[in-house]
Amino acid sequence: MKHLFFLLLLVASGPLALAQQPAPPTKQPIELKAGRMQAQARPAANRPDVAPQYVGGAQAMGAFFQENIKYPEAARVKGLTGNVEVTATVGADGRLSNPVVAKSLSPECDAEALRVLALMPAWKPATRKGEPVPVQVRLPVPFANGSILQVEQGKTKFE
């Protein structure tokens, strides 16, 4: 009879013990920086095999920024030049979402960078084992005098 009592006590306390265990931490998205994507022999389960790519490459992205950025008058008066760095998630559908300014230049330039990213067309999404996966990227949005801003000509890193 004693054994039955202890057995029932163990069975009844099992769900309580499971409920008290802390939940596993949620996975944060991986942030890929330009030039840092490398093929790995044993990639992590949440790391993409292929990085997301702007359709047309870096040259096309530079041309997109040149066509769409309206240099803020306040920044022009102050003579501000440089990059606003923005982090965003390239979703499985290729669309950018959740843009956040990671490195500010000025409030006017930051707002313009976020406005232009909202206009950006869909990317070719990152893939893991052939399936598209969302990946966080960091993009430098260039702000400079039109005569200074130039798109770098070079070899295409991605196809």
Protein backbone atom coordinates (compact mmCIF):
# COMPACT_ATOMS: atom_id res chain seq x y z
CA MET A 1 0.00 0.00 0.00
CA LYS A 2 2.89 2.34 0.82
CA HIS A 3 4.35 1.76 -2.63
CA LEU A 4 1.06 2.65 -4.29
CA PHE A 5 0.85 5.90 -2.33
CA PHE A 6 4.39 6.94 -3.35
CA LEU A 7 3.75 5.95 -6.94
CA LEU A 8 0.61 8.11 -7.08
CA LEU A 9 2.51 11.00 -5.47
CA LEU A 10 5.24 10.74 -8.12
CA VAL A 11 2.77 10.63 -10.99
CA ALA A 12 0.84 13.63 -9.63
CA SER A 13 3.97 15.76 -9.10
CA GLY A 14 5.34 15.12 -12.62
CA PRO A 15 3.25 17.78 -14.41
CA LEU A 16 4.00 20.29 -11.64
CA ALA A 17 7.74 19.80 -12.07
CA LEU A 18 7.43 20.31 -15.84
CA ALA A 19 5.40 23.49 -15.38
CA GLN A 20 8.09 24.99 -13.11
CA GLN A 21 10.95 24.54 -15.62
CA PRO A 22 11.93 27.77 -17.42
CA ALA A 23 11.03 28.04 -21.09
CA PRO A 24 13.95 27.74 -23.52
CA PRO A 25 15.17 31.12 -24.82
CA THR A 26 13.82 32.23 -28.18
CA LYS A 27 16.28 32.31 -31.06
CA GLN A 28 17.42 35.75 -32.16
CA PRO A 29 17.76 36.35 -35.91
CA ILE A 30 21.28 36.14 -37.29
CA GLU A 31 22.73 39.43 -38.47
CA LEU A 32 24.79 39.18 -41.62
CA LYS A 33 27.29 41.92 -42.40
CA ALA A 34 28.65 42.68 -45.84
CA GLY A 35 31.67 40.55 -46.69
CA ARG A 36 31.25 38.26 -43.67
CA MET A 37 29.18 35.44 -45.20
CA GLN A 38 31.25 32.29 -45.55
CA ALA A 39 30.50 28.71 -46.49
CA GLN A 40 30.85 26.42 -43.48
CA ALA A 41 31.53 22.70 -43.29
CA ARG A 42 28.97 22.27 -40.48
CA PRO A 43 26.67 25.32 -40.45
CA ALA A 44 24.46 25.98 -37.44
CA ALA A 45 20.84 24.90 -37.69
CA ASN A 46 19.58 28.49 -37.99
CA ARG A 47 22.34 29.85 -40.29
CA PRO A 48 21.48 30.20 -43.98
CA ASP A 49 23.46 28.38 -46.66
CA VAL A 50 23.03 31.31 -49.09
CA ALA A 51 22.92 34.97 -48.02
CA PRO A 52 20.08 37.25 -49.13
CA GLN A 53 20.90 39.26 -52.25
CA TYR A 54 19.62 42.51 -53.65
CA VAL A 55 18.48 41.79 -57.20
CA GLY A 56 21.19 43.19 -59.47
CA GLY A 57 23.86 43.25 -56.75
CA ALA A 58 25.59 46.09 -54.94
CA GLN A 59 25.78 48.25 -58.06
CA ALA A 60 22.00 48.10 -58.56
CA MET A 61 21.46 48.88 -54.86
CA GLY A 62 23.73 51.93 -55.14
CA ALA A 63 21.79 53.11 -58.19
CA PHE A 64 18.51 52.60 -56.28
CA PHE A 65 19.79 54.79 -53.44
CA GLN A 66 21.01 57.48 -55.87
CA GLU A 67 17.61 57.62 -57.58
CA ASN A 68 15.47 57.62 -54.44
CA ILE A 69 17.33 59.46 -51.67
CA LYS A 70 16.36 63.07 -51.29
CA TYR A 71 19.24 64.70 -49.44
CA PRO A 72 17.61 66.58 -46.51
CA GLU A 73 18.05 70.35 -46.65
CA ALA A 74 19.07 70.52 -42.98
CA ALA A 75 21.87 68.01 -43.63
CA ARG A 76 22.94 69.93 -46.75
CA VAL A 77 23.19 73.19 -44.76
CA LYS A 78 25.26 71.48 -42.05
CA GLY A 79 27.40 69.74 -44.68
CA LEU A 80 26.67 66.27 -43.28
CA THR A 81 27.92 63.30 -45.28
CA GLY A 82 28.20 59.65 -44.37
CA ASN A 83 26.08 56.55 -43.94
CA VAL A 84 23.02 55.80 -41.89
CA GLU A 85 23.29 52.13 -40.93
CA VAL A 86 19.95 50.37 -40.79
CA THR A 87 19.19 46.82 -39.69
CA ALA A 88 16.20 45.09 -41.27
CA THR A 89 14.92 41.58 -41.77
CA VAL A 90 14.85 40.14 -45.28
CA GLY A 91 11.84 37.85 -45.00
CA ALA A 92 11.29 34.51 -46.68
CA ASP A 93 9.34 36.43 -49.35
CA GLY A 94 12.30 38.80 -49.93
CA ARG A 95 10.60 41.89 -48.50
CA LEU A 96 12.37 44.10 -45.95
CA SER A 97 10.63 44.42 -42.60
CA ASN A 98 11.35 45.89 -39.16
CA PRO A 99 13.88 48.52 -40.26
CA VAL A 100 15.70 50.13 -37.33
CA VAL A 101 18.44 52.77 -37.40
CA ALA A 102 21.56 51.13 -35.92
CA LYS A 103 23.96 54.06 -36.50
CA SER A 104 22.52 57.53 -36.84
CA LEU A 105 23.82 60.43 -38.93
CA SER A 106 21.11 63.01 -38.15
CA PRO A 107 17.38 62.78 -37.42
CA GLU A 108 16.55 64.04 -40.93
CA CYS A 109 18.87 61.55 -42.65
CA ASP A 110 17.61 58.73 -40.42
CA ALA A 111 14.00 59.43 -41.41
CA GLU A 112 14.96 59.62 -45.10
CA ALA A 113 16.83 56.30 -44.88
CA LEU A 114 13.79 54.58 -43.37
CA ARG A 115 11.54 56.14 -46.04
CA VAL A 116 13.77 54.89 -48.86
CA LEU A 117 14.02 51.37 -47.40
CA ALA A 118 10.22 51.19 -47.43
CA LEU A 119 10.40 51.77 -51.22
CA MET A 120 13.05 49.10 -51.80
CA PRO A 121 11.95 46.20 -54.02
CA ALA A 122 12.04 42.60 -52.83
CA TRP A 123 15.39 40.85 -52.47
CA LYS A 124 16.32 37.29 -53.32
CA PRO A 125 15.84 35.72 -49.85
CA ALA A 126 18.42 33.74 -47.92
CA THR A 127 18.04 29.98 -48.12
CA ARG A 128 18.73 27.10 -45.77
CA LYS A 129 18.73 23.67 -47.43
CA GLY A 130 16.94 25.18 -50.40
CA GLU A 131 14.14 26.74 -48.33
CA PRO A 132 13.86 30.55 -47.96
CA VAL A 133 14.51 31.77 -44.41
CA PRO A 134 14.28 35.24 -42.81
CA VAL A 135 17.65 36.86 -42.06
CA GLN A 136 18.56 40.18 -40.45
CA VAL A 137 20.93 42.37 -42.49
CA ARG A 138 22.73 45.66 -41.86
CA LEU A 139 22.59 48.16 -44.71
CA PRO A 140 24.58 51.38 -45.06
CA VAL A 141 22.37 54.05 -46.63
CA PRO A 142 24.71 56.69 -48.15
CA PHE A 143 24.16 60.43 -47.71
CA ALA A 144 26.46 62.82 -49.50
CA ASN A 145 26.53 65.70 -51.91
CA GLY A 146 25.42 64.45 -55.34
CA SER A 147 28.85 65.25 -56.80
CA ILE A 148 30.57 63.19 -54.08
CA LEU A 149 28.26 60.14 -54.06
CA GLN A 150 29.41 57.54 -56.56
CA VAL A 151 28.54 53.89 -56.99
CA GLU A 152 31.58 51.66 -56.69
CA GLN A 153 32.30 49.78 -59.89
CA GLY A 154 33.67 46.29 -59.42
CA LYS A 155 33.05 42.60 -59.64
CA THR A 156 29.68 41.24 -58.60
CA LYS A 157 30.05 39.17 -55.43
CA PHE A 158 26.73 37.34 -55.78
CA GLU A 159 24.80 36.13 -58.78
